[in-house]
Amino acid sequence: MPDTNPAPLGQPVRAPAGLAIGHTHLKVSDLDRALAFWRDVIGLEEMCRYPGAVFLSAGGYHHHIALNTWESAGGPPPAPGTTGLFHVALLYPDRASLARAAKAVLRAGIQLDGASDHGVSEAIYLRDPDQNGVELYVDRPQEAWPRNPDGSLAMFTRRLDLTGLLAEAED
């Protein structure tokens, strides 16, 4: 069995400030069922399709979320207590957009796992049809982020005023 504990590297590597997470590729059990969630509830646009896979985007990007059944068709979700994806997080451009997304999720009858104010952001949590965790969130402006006296972030988790958020959705 290979050693899974890498040797120390010495000087830590720093990723560039402009680094962004490009996309997430999810293994799903049923492509049509997953597509109905990610396209019809979350609102992503289908960009292209391959045998056993669909690539979805917001705003015309090649893909933000890809769904495939290449190794998972008909399979069960990962068992609790195992490693894997905790959640994929979708960052909305403003609070009204997050409010509209939350309303769409609730209209679709999808139960929320939670709704939190983290000081730096506001988020709702749910699961897709394959039980992958999904976070829909909006960041506060960086100048409003809570800070400790030494300047480090003072993030927290408090109950989000979901009623107040939903009131911001223009119907």
N, C-alpha and C. Protein backbone atom coordinates (compact mmCIF):
# COMPACT_ATOMS: atom_id res chain seq x y z
N MET A 1 0.84 -1.17 0.00
CA MET A 1 0.00 0.00 0.00
C MET A 1 0.89 1.24 0.00
N PRO A 2 0.62 2.21 -0.88
CA PRO A 2 1.46 3.40 -0.94
C PRO A 2 1.31 4.26 0.31
N ASP A 3 2.39 4.99 0.63
CA ASP A 3 2.37 5.92 1.76
C ASP A 3 1.50 7.12 1.39
N THR A 4 0.47 7.40 2.17
CA THR A 4 -0.44 8.51 1.87
C THR A 4 -0.07 9.77 2.65
N ASN A 5 1.01 9.73 3.43
CA ASN A 5 1.46 10.91 4.18
C ASN A 5 2.67 11.50 3.46
N PRO A 6 2.47 12.58 2.70
CA PRO A 6 3.60 13.15 1.97
C PRO A 6 4.64 13.74 2.92
N ALA A 7 5.87 13.76 2.46
CA ALA A 7 6.94 14.35 3.24
C ALA A 7 6.74 15.87 3.30
N PRO A 8 7.22 16.51 4.38
CA PRO A 8 7.11 17.98 4.44
C PRO A 8 7.85 18.60 3.26
N LEU A 9 7.31 19.70 2.76
CA LEU A 9 7.85 20.33 1.57
C LEU A 9 8.87 21.43 1.87
N GLY A 10 9.01 21.83 3.10
CA GLY A 10 9.88 22.96 3.39
C GLY A 10 9.07 24.24 3.32
N GLN A 11 9.42 25.12 2.40
CA GLN A 11 8.71 26.39 2.25
C GLN A 11 7.31 26.14 1.69
N PRO A 12 6.27 26.68 2.36
CA PRO A 12 4.92 26.50 1.81
C PRO A 12 4.75 27.25 0.48
N VAL A 13 3.97 26.67 -0.37
CA VAL A 13 3.64 27.28 -1.65
C VAL A 13 2.44 28.20 -1.44
N ARG A 14 2.41 29.33 -2.10
CA ARG A 14 1.26 30.24 -2.03
C ARG A 14 0.60 30.30 -3.39
N ALA A 15 -0.71 30.05 -3.40
CA ALA A 15 -1.49 30.19 -4.62
C ALA A 15 -1.63 31.68 -4.94
N PRO A 16 -1.70 32.04 -6.21
CA PRO A 16 -1.85 33.46 -6.55
C PRO A 16 -3.20 34.01 -6.11
N ALA A 17 -3.25 35.29 -5.81
CA ALA A 17 -4.48 35.93 -5.33
C ALA A 17 -5.63 35.80 -6.32
N GLY A 18 -5.34 35.70 -7.60
CA GLY A 18 -6.40 35.60 -8.60
C GLY A 18 -6.94 34.20 -8.82
N LEU A 19 -6.45 33.22 -8.08
CA LEU A 19 -6.91 31.84 -8.25
C LEU A 19 -8.40 31.74 -7.97
N ALA A 20 -9.12 30.99 -8.78
CA ALA A 20 -10.56 30.75 -8.57
C ALA A 20 -10.84 29.27 -8.80
N ILE A 21 -11.86 28.77 -8.16
CA ILE A 21 -12.30 27.40 -8.41
C ILE A 21 -13.08 27.42 -9.71
N GLY A 22 -12.65 26.67 -10.68
CA GLY A 22 -13.26 26.74 -12.01
C GLY A 22 -14.55 25.97 -12.16
N HIS A 23 -14.59 24.72 -11.71
CA HIS A 23 -15.82 23.94 -11.84
C HIS A 23 -15.79 22.75 -10.90
N THR A 24 -16.94 22.16 -10.71
CA THR A 24 -17.09 20.95 -9.91
C THR A 24 -17.74 19.90 -10.79
N HIS A 25 -17.21 18.70 -10.74
CA HIS A 25 -17.74 17.58 -11.52
C HIS A 25 -18.31 16.57 -10.53
N LEU A 26 -19.61 16.32 -10.61
CA LEU A 26 -20.30 15.45 -9.66
C LEU A 26 -20.68 14.12 -10.30
N LYS A 27 -20.40 13.04 -9.59
CA LYS A 27 -20.90 11.72 -10.00
C LYS A 27 -22.33 11.63 -9.49
N VAL A 28 -23.26 11.28 -10.38
CA VAL A 28 -24.67 11.19 -10.01
C VAL A 28 -25.22 9.82 -10.39
N SER A 29 -26.34 9.49 -9.80
CA SER A 29 -26.98 8.20 -10.03
C SER A 29 -27.87 8.21 -11.28
N ASP A 30 -28.60 9.31 -11.47
CA ASP A 30 -29.56 9.42 -12.55
C ASP A 30 -29.38 10.80 -13.20
N LEU A 31 -28.89 10.83 -14.42
CA LEU A 31 -28.55 12.09 -15.08
C LEU A 31 -29.76 13.00 -15.25
N ASP A 32 -30.90 12.46 -15.69
CA ASP A 32 -32.08 13.29 -15.89
C ASP A 32 -32.59 13.89 -14.58
N ARG A 33 -32.57 13.10 -13.51
CA ARG A 33 -33.01 13.59 -12.20
C ARG A 33 -32.07 14.70 -11.70
N ALA A 34 -30.77 14.49 -11.85
CA ALA A 34 -29.80 15.50 -11.42
C ALA A 34 -29.94 16.77 -12.26
N LEU A 35 -30.13 16.59 -13.56
CA LEU A 35 -30.29 17.73 -14.46
C LEU A 35 -31.53 18.55 -14.09
N ALA A 36 -32.62 17.88 -13.73
CA ALA A 36 -33.83 18.59 -13.34
C ALA A 36 -33.57 19.49 -12.12
N PHE A 37 -32.73 19.06 -11.21
CA PHE A 37 -32.39 19.88 -10.05
C PHE A 37 -31.49 21.04 -10.44
N TRP A 38 -30.34 20.73 -11.02
CA TRP A 38 -29.32 21.75 -11.29
C TRP A 38 -29.77 22.75 -12.36
N ARG A 39 -30.55 22.32 -13.34
CA ARG A 39 -31.03 23.22 -14.39
C ARG A 39 -32.33 23.89 -13.99
N ASP A 40 -33.33 23.10 -13.58
CA ASP A 40 -34.68 23.62 -13.41
C ASP A 40 -34.92 24.29 -12.05
N VAL A 41 -34.16 23.92 -11.03
CA VAL A 41 -34.32 24.54 -9.71
C VAL A 41 -33.23 25.57 -9.47
N ILE A 42 -31.97 25.18 -9.66
CA ILE A 42 -30.85 26.09 -9.41
C ILE A 42 -30.72 27.11 -10.54
N GLY A 43 -31.07 26.72 -11.76
CA GLY A 43 -31.10 27.69 -12.86
C GLY A 43 -29.89 27.69 -13.77
N LEU A 44 -29.04 26.67 -13.66
CA LEU A 44 -27.87 26.61 -14.55
C LEU A 44 -28.31 26.23 -15.96
N GLU A 45 -27.58 26.71 -16.94
CA GLU A 45 -27.89 26.48 -18.36
C GLU A 45 -27.07 25.29 -18.87
N GLU A 46 -27.73 24.43 -19.63
CA GLU A 46 -27.03 23.29 -20.24
C GLU A 46 -26.14 23.82 -21.37
N MET A 47 -24.84 23.55 -21.26
CA MET A 47 -23.88 24.03 -22.26
C MET A 47 -23.57 22.96 -23.31
N CYS A 48 -23.39 21.72 -22.86
CA CYS A 48 -23.16 20.63 -23.80
C CYS A 48 -23.42 19.31 -23.09
N ARG A 49 -23.53 18.28 -23.91
CA ARG A 49 -23.85 16.95 -23.40
C ARG A 49 -22.97 15.94 -24.11
N TYR A 50 -22.47 15.00 -23.35
CA TYR A 50 -21.73 13.85 -23.87
C TYR A 50 -22.45 12.60 -23.39
N PRO A 51 -22.17 11.44 -23.95
CA PRO A 51 -22.79 10.23 -23.41
C PRO A 51 -22.50 10.09 -21.92
N GLY A 52 -23.55 10.11 -21.11
CA GLY A 52 -23.41 9.95 -19.67
C GLY A 52 -23.01 11.21 -18.93
N ALA A 53 -23.00 12.38 -19.57
CA ALA A 53 -22.58 13.60 -18.88
C ALA A 53 -23.27 14.83 -19.45
N VAL A 54 -23.48 15.81 -18.57
CA VAL A 54 -24.03 17.11 -18.95
C VAL A 54 -23.19 18.18 -18.27
N PHE A 55 -22.90 19.26 -19.01
CA PHE A 55 -22.10 20.36 -18.50
C PHE A 55 -22.99 21.60 -18.40
N LEU A 56 -23.02 22.23 -17.22
CA LEU A 56 -23.94 23.32 -16.92
C LEU A 56 -23.18 24.57 -16.49
N SER A 57 -23.79 25.72 -16.77
CA SER A 57 -23.11 26.99 -16.53
C SER A 57 -24.08 28.09 -16.15
N ALA A 58 -23.52 29.14 -15.58
CA ALA A 58 -24.22 30.41 -15.42
C ALA A 58 -23.46 31.44 -16.24
N GLY A 59 -24.17 32.20 -17.05
CA GLY A 59 -23.53 33.28 -17.78
C GLY A 59 -22.68 32.89 -18.97
N GLY A 60 -22.84 31.69 -19.49
CA GLY A 60 -22.15 31.31 -20.71
C GLY A 60 -20.76 30.72 -20.54
N TYR A 61 -20.27 30.59 -19.31
CA TYR A 61 -18.98 29.93 -19.06
C TYR A 61 -19.07 28.49 -19.56
N HIS A 62 -17.96 27.86 -19.92
CA HIS A 62 -18.06 26.49 -20.48
C HIS A 62 -18.73 25.52 -19.53
N HIS A 63 -18.39 25.55 -18.23
CA HIS A 63 -19.18 24.84 -17.23
C HIS A 63 -18.73 25.18 -15.83
N HIS A 64 -19.71 25.30 -14.95
CA HIS A 64 -19.46 25.46 -13.52
C HIS A 64 -19.70 24.13 -12.81
N ILE A 65 -20.72 23.42 -13.25
CA ILE A 65 -21.07 22.11 -12.69
C ILE A 65 -21.17 21.12 -13.85
N ALA A 66 -20.50 19.99 -13.69
CA ALA A 66 -20.67 18.90 -14.64
C ALA A 66 -21.28 17.73 -13.87
N LEU A 67 -22.16 17.02 -14.52
CA LEU A 67 -22.82 15.84 -13.94
C LEU A 67 -22.46 14.65 -14.79
N ASN A 68 -22.10 13.54 -14.16
CA ASN A 68 -21.85 12.34 -14.97
C ASN A 68 -22.29 11.08 -14.25
N THR A 69 -22.57 10.05 -15.06
CA THR A 69 -22.93 8.73 -14.53
C THR A 69 -21.89 7.69 -14.96
N TRP A 70 -20.70 8.12 -15.34
CA TRP A 70 -19.69 7.21 -15.87
C TRP A 70 -19.32 6.09 -14.89
N GLU A 71 -19.27 6.39 -13.60
CA GLU A 71 -18.94 5.37 -12.60
C GLU A 71 -20.04 5.22 -11.56
N SER A 72 -21.19 5.85 -11.79
CA SER A 72 -22.16 5.94 -10.70
C SER A 72 -23.61 5.69 -11.10
N ALA A 73 -23.89 5.33 -12.35
CA ALA A 73 -25.28 5.13 -12.78
C ALA A 73 -25.98 4.13 -11.86
N GLY A 74 -27.11 4.57 -11.30
CA GLY A 74 -27.89 3.70 -10.42
C GLY A 74 -27.29 3.49 -9.04
N GLY A 75 -26.17 4.16 -8.76
CA GLY A 75 -25.48 3.95 -7.49
C GLY A 75 -26.10 4.72 -6.34
N PRO A 76 -25.80 4.28 -5.11
CA PRO A 76 -26.30 4.98 -3.92
C PRO A 76 -25.41 6.16 -3.57
N PRO A 77 -25.92 7.09 -2.76
CA PRO A 77 -25.05 8.17 -2.27
C PRO A 77 -23.97 7.60 -1.37
N PRO A 78 -22.87 8.34 -1.16
CA PRO A 78 -21.84 7.87 -0.23
C PRO A 78 -22.44 7.68 1.16
N ALA A 79 -21.96 6.68 1.85
CA ALA A 79 -22.45 6.40 3.20
C ALA A 79 -21.99 7.50 4.16
N PRO A 80 -22.82 7.83 5.16
CA PRO A 80 -22.38 8.78 6.18
C PRO A 80 -21.08 8.28 6.84
N GLY A 81 -20.24 9.20 7.21
CA GLY A 81 -19.00 8.83 7.87
C GLY A 81 -17.87 8.46 6.93
N THR A 82 -18.08 8.67 5.61
CA THR A 82 -17.02 8.39 4.65
C THR A 82 -16.50 9.72 4.10
N THR A 83 -15.35 9.65 3.47
CA THR A 83 -14.77 10.87 2.90
C THR A 83 -15.45 11.20 1.58
N GLY A 84 -15.24 12.41 1.12
CA GLY A 84 -15.82 12.85 -0.14
C GLY A 84 -16.21 14.31 -0.04
N LEU A 85 -16.97 14.76 -0.98
CA LEU A 85 -17.42 16.14 -1.06
C LEU A 85 -18.33 16.48 0.12
N PHE A 86 -18.05 17.57 0.82
CA PHE A 86 -18.95 18.04 1.88
C PHE A 86 -20.07 18.85 1.24
N HIS A 87 -19.69 19.85 0.45
CA HIS A 87 -20.68 20.57 -0.34
C HIS A 87 -19.99 21.35 -1.45
N VAL A 88 -20.77 21.65 -2.47
CA VAL A 88 -20.34 22.58 -3.51
C VAL A 88 -21.03 23.89 -3.19
N ALA A 89 -20.31 25.00 -3.31
CA ALA A 89 -20.86 26.30 -2.95
C ALA A 89 -20.99 27.18 -4.19
N LEU A 90 -22.16 27.73 -4.39
CA LEU A 90 -22.42 28.64 -5.50
C LEU A 90 -22.53 30.05 -4.95
N LEU A 91 -21.64 30.94 -5.40
CA LEU A 91 -21.58 32.32 -4.94
C LEU A 91 -22.46 33.20 -5.82
N TYR A 92 -23.47 33.81 -5.23
CA TYR A 92 -24.38 34.69 -5.96
C TYR A 92 -23.84 36.12 -5.94
N PRO A 93 -24.17 36.91 -6.97
CA PRO A 93 -23.59 38.25 -7.07
C PRO A 93 -24.16 39.26 -6.08
N ASP A 94 -25.37 39.01 -5.56
CA ASP A 94 -25.98 39.95 -4.63
C ASP A 94 -27.06 39.24 -3.82
N ARG A 95 -27.52 39.90 -2.77
CA ARG A 95 -28.48 39.30 -1.83
C ARG A 95 -29.83 39.00 -2.51
N ALA A 96 -30.26 39.88 -3.41
CA ALA A 96 -31.54 39.65 -4.10
C ALA A 96 -31.47 38.39 -4.95
N SER A 97 -30.34 38.14 -5.59
CA SER A 97 -30.18 36.91 -6.39
C SER A 97 -30.23 35.68 -5.51
N LEU A 98 -29.57 35.74 -4.34
CA LEU A 98 -29.64 34.63 -3.40
C LEU A 98 -31.07 34.43 -2.92
N ALA A 99 -31.78 35.51 -2.66
CA ALA A 99 -33.18 35.41 -2.21
C ALA A 99 -34.05 34.73 -3.27
N ARG A 100 -33.86 35.10 -4.53
CA ARG A 100 -34.63 34.45 -5.62
C ARG A 100 -34.29 32.97 -5.70
N ALA A 101 -33.02 32.62 -5.54
CA ALA A 101 -32.61 31.21 -5.58
C ALA A 101 -33.23 30.44 -4.42
N ALA A 102 -33.23 31.04 -3.24
CA ALA A 102 -33.83 30.38 -2.07
C ALA A 102 -35.32 30.15 -2.28
N LYS A 103 -36.00 31.14 -2.85
CA LYS A 103 -37.43 30.97 -3.14
C LYS A 103 -37.66 29.83 -4.14
N ALA A 104 -36.82 29.74 -5.16
CA ALA A 104 -36.97 28.67 -6.15
C ALA A 104 -36.77 27.30 -5.50
N VAL A 105 -35.81 27.19 -4.62
CA VAL A 105 -35.56 25.93 -3.91
C VAL A 105 -36.77 25.55 -3.07
N LEU A 106 -37.29 26.50 -2.32
CA LEU A 106 -38.44 26.21 -1.46
C LEU A 106 -39.69 25.91 -2.28
N ARG A 107 -39.90 26.63 -3.41
CA ARG A 107 -41.04 26.36 -4.30
C ARG A 107 -40.98 24.95 -4.86
N ALA A 108 -39.76 24.44 -5.08
CA ALA A 108 -39.58 23.09 -5.61
C ALA A 108 -39.79 22.02 -4.54
N GLY A 109 -40.07 22.45 -3.31
CA GLY A 109 -40.31 21.50 -2.22
C GLY A 109 -39.05 20.90 -1.65
N ILE A 110 -37.92 21.53 -1.89
CA ILE A 110 -36.65 21.02 -1.38
C ILE A 110 -36.44 21.55 0.03
N GLN A 111 -36.17 20.65 0.94
CA GLN A 111 -35.96 21.01 2.34
C GLN A 111 -34.57 21.60 2.52
N LEU A 112 -34.48 22.66 3.30
CA LEU A 112 -33.18 23.24 3.62
C LEU A 112 -32.56 22.47 4.78
N ASP A 113 -31.23 22.26 4.70
CA ASP A 113 -30.49 21.68 5.82
C ASP A 113 -30.15 22.76 6.85
N GLY A 114 -30.12 24.02 6.40
CA GLY A 114 -29.80 25.10 7.30
C GLY A 114 -29.74 26.43 6.57
N ALA A 115 -29.64 27.50 7.34
CA ALA A 115 -29.50 28.85 6.80
C ALA A 115 -28.66 29.62 7.82
N SER A 116 -27.49 30.09 7.39
CA SER A 116 -26.54 30.67 8.35
C SER A 116 -26.01 32.03 7.90
N ASP A 117 -25.75 32.85 8.90
CA ASP A 117 -25.02 34.11 8.73
C ASP A 117 -23.63 33.84 9.29
N HIS A 118 -22.60 33.97 8.45
CA HIS A 118 -21.23 33.70 8.88
C HIS A 118 -20.42 34.98 9.07
N GLY A 119 -21.10 36.13 9.07
CA GLY A 119 -20.40 37.39 9.21
C GLY A 119 -19.83 37.86 7.89
N VAL A 120 -19.07 37.00 7.21
CA VAL A 120 -18.50 37.32 5.91
C VAL A 120 -19.49 37.03 4.78
N SER A 121 -20.47 36.18 5.08
CA SER A 121 -21.42 35.73 4.06
C SER A 121 -22.72 35.29 4.71
N GLU A 122 -23.74 35.14 3.85
CA GLU A 122 -25.02 34.57 4.25
C GLU A 122 -25.27 33.38 3.33
N ALA A 123 -25.74 32.26 3.90
CA ALA A 123 -25.83 31.03 3.12
C ALA A 123 -27.05 30.21 3.49
N ILE A 124 -27.55 29.49 2.48
CA ILE A 124 -28.53 28.43 2.73
C ILE A 124 -27.89 27.12 2.29
N TYR A 125 -28.28 26.05 2.97
CA TYR A 125 -27.70 24.73 2.73
C TYR A 125 -28.80 23.74 2.40
N LEU A 126 -28.55 22.89 1.43
CA LEU A 126 -29.51 21.89 0.99
C LEU A 126 -28.77 20.71 0.37
N ARG A 127 -29.50 19.76 -0.17
CA ARG A 127 -28.90 18.59 -0.82
C ARG A 127 -29.51 18.42 -2.20
N ASP A 128 -28.67 17.99 -3.14
CA ASP A 128 -29.19 17.68 -4.46
C ASP A 128 -29.80 16.28 -4.42
N PRO A 129 -30.40 15.79 -5.52
CA PRO A 129 -31.05 14.48 -5.49
C PRO A 129 -30.12 13.32 -5.16
N ASP A 130 -28.80 13.50 -5.33
CA ASP A 130 -27.83 12.45 -5.00
C ASP A 130 -27.22 12.65 -3.63
N GLN A 131 -27.82 13.54 -2.85
CA GLN A 131 -27.40 13.84 -1.49
C GLN A 131 -26.06 14.56 -1.38
N ASN A 132 -25.62 15.18 -2.49
CA ASN A 132 -24.46 16.06 -2.42
C ASN A 132 -24.87 17.33 -1.70
N GLY A 133 -24.03 17.81 -0.80
CA GLY A 133 -24.31 19.06 -0.13
C GLY A 133 -24.18 20.22 -1.09
N VAL A 134 -25.09 21.18 -0.97
CA VAL A 134 -25.09 22.39 -1.82
C VAL A 134 -25.23 23.60 -0.90
N GLU A 135 -24.32 24.56 -1.08
CA GLU A 135 -24.42 25.83 -0.38
C GLU A 135 -24.68 26.91 -1.42
N LEU A 136 -25.71 27.70 -1.20
CA LEU A 136 -26.00 28.88 -2.02
C LEU A 136 -25.73 30.07 -1.12
N TYR A 137 -24.83 30.98 -1.55
CA TYR A 137 -24.44 32.04 -0.63
C TYR A 137 -24.11 33.33 -1.35
N VAL A 138 -24.04 34.39 -0.56
CA VAL A 138 -23.62 35.72 -1.02
C VAL A 138 -22.60 36.24 -0.02
N ASP A 139 -21.53 36.82 -0.52
CA ASP A 139 -20.54 37.46 0.35
C ASP A 139 -20.98 38.87 0.70
N ARG A 140 -20.62 39.29 1.89
CA ARG A 140 -20.73 40.70 2.24
C ARG A 140 -19.50 41.41 1.67
N PRO A 141 -19.55 42.72 1.50
CA PRO A 141 -18.35 43.44 1.05
C PRO A 141 -17.21 43.19 2.04
N GLN A 142 -15.98 43.03 1.54
CA GLN A 142 -14.84 42.72 2.41
C GLN A 142 -14.67 43.73 3.54
N GLU A 143 -14.98 44.99 3.29
CA GLU A 143 -14.81 45.99 4.34
C GLU A 143 -15.80 45.79 5.49
N ALA A 144 -16.85 44.99 5.29
CA ALA A 144 -17.83 44.71 6.34
C ALA A 144 -17.54 43.39 7.07
N TRP A 145 -16.53 42.66 6.65
CA TRP A 145 -16.23 41.38 7.30
C TRP A 145 -15.78 41.62 8.74
N PRO A 146 -16.27 40.81 9.66
CA PRO A 146 -15.86 40.97 11.07
C PRO A 146 -14.38 40.58 11.23
N ARG A 147 -13.68 41.37 12.01
CA ARG A 147 -12.24 41.15 12.21
C ARG A 147 -11.90 41.14 13.70
N ASN A 148 -10.89 40.38 14.02
CA ASN A 148 -10.30 40.38 15.36
C ASN A 148 -9.36 41.59 15.47
N PRO A 149 -8.97 41.95 16.69
CA PRO A 149 -8.05 43.09 16.85
C PRO A 149 -6.76 42.96 16.03
N ASP A 150 -6.29 41.73 15.78
CA ASP A 150 -5.06 41.55 15.00
C ASP A 150 -5.31 41.60 13.49
N GLY A 151 -6.57 41.82 13.07
CA GLY A 151 -6.91 41.91 11.65
C GLY A 151 -7.36 40.61 11.03
N SER A 152 -7.21 39.48 11.73
CA SER A 152 -7.66 38.20 11.18
C SER A 152 -9.18 38.15 11.17
N LEU A 153 -9.73 37.28 10.35
CA LEU A 153 -11.19 37.16 10.26
C LEU A 153 -11.78 36.63 11.55
N ALA A 154 -12.93 37.14 11.91
CA ALA A 154 -13.67 36.69 13.09
C ALA A 154 -15.00 36.09 12.63
N MET A 155 -14.90 35.09 11.76
CA MET A 155 -16.12 34.45 11.24
C MET A 155 -16.88 33.79 12.39
N PHE A 156 -18.17 33.61 12.17
CA PHE A 156 -19.03 32.96 13.14
C PHE A 156 -20.15 32.26 12.38
N THR A 157 -20.96 31.52 13.09
CA THR A 157 -22.15 30.91 12.50
C THR A 157 -23.33 31.25 13.40
N ARG A 158 -24.25 32.02 12.82
CA ARG A 158 -25.48 32.41 13.51
C ARG A 158 -26.65 32.07 12.60
N ARG A 159 -27.81 32.00 13.18
CA ARG A 159 -29.02 31.73 12.40
C ARG A 159 -29.26 32.87 11.42
N LEU A 160 -29.48 32.54 10.16
CA LEU A 160 -29.80 33.54 9.15
C LEU A 160 -31.27 33.92 9.26
N ASP A 161 -31.56 35.18 9.14
CA ASP A 161 -32.94 35.66 9.08
C ASP A 161 -33.47 35.33 7.68
N LEU A 162 -33.98 34.09 7.55
CA LEU A 162 -34.45 33.60 6.25
C LEU A 162 -35.65 34.40 5.75
N THR A 163 -36.55 34.78 6.66
CA THR A 163 -37.70 35.58 6.26
C THR A 163 -37.25 36.91 5.68
N GLY A 164 -36.28 37.54 6.33
CA GLY A 164 -35.74 38.79 5.82
C GLY A 164 -35.07 38.63 4.47
N LEU A 165 -34.34 37.52 4.30
CA LEU A 165 -33.71 37.26 3.01
C LEU A 165 -34.77 37.07 1.93
N LEU A 166 -35.75 36.24 2.17
CA LEU A 166 -36.78 35.95 1.18
C LEU A 166 -37.56 37.20 0.79
N ALA A 167 -37.69 38.14 1.71
CA ALA A 167 -38.40 39.39 1.41
C ALA A 167 -37.67 40.23 0.36
N GLU A 168 -36.38 39.96 0.16
CA GLU A 168 -35.60 40.71 -0.81
C GLU A 168 -35.76 40.22 -2.25
N ALA A 169 -36.44 39.09 -2.43
CA ALA A 169 -36.64 38.55 -3.78
C ALA A 169 -37.75 39.33 -4.47
N GLU A 170 -37.44 39.88 -5.62
CA GLU A 170 -38.49 40.54 -6.41
C GLU A 170 -39.28 39.46 -7.12
N ASP A 171 -40.57 39.42 -6.89
CA ASP A 171 -41.40 38.37 -7.52
C ASP A 171 -41.86 38.78 -8.89
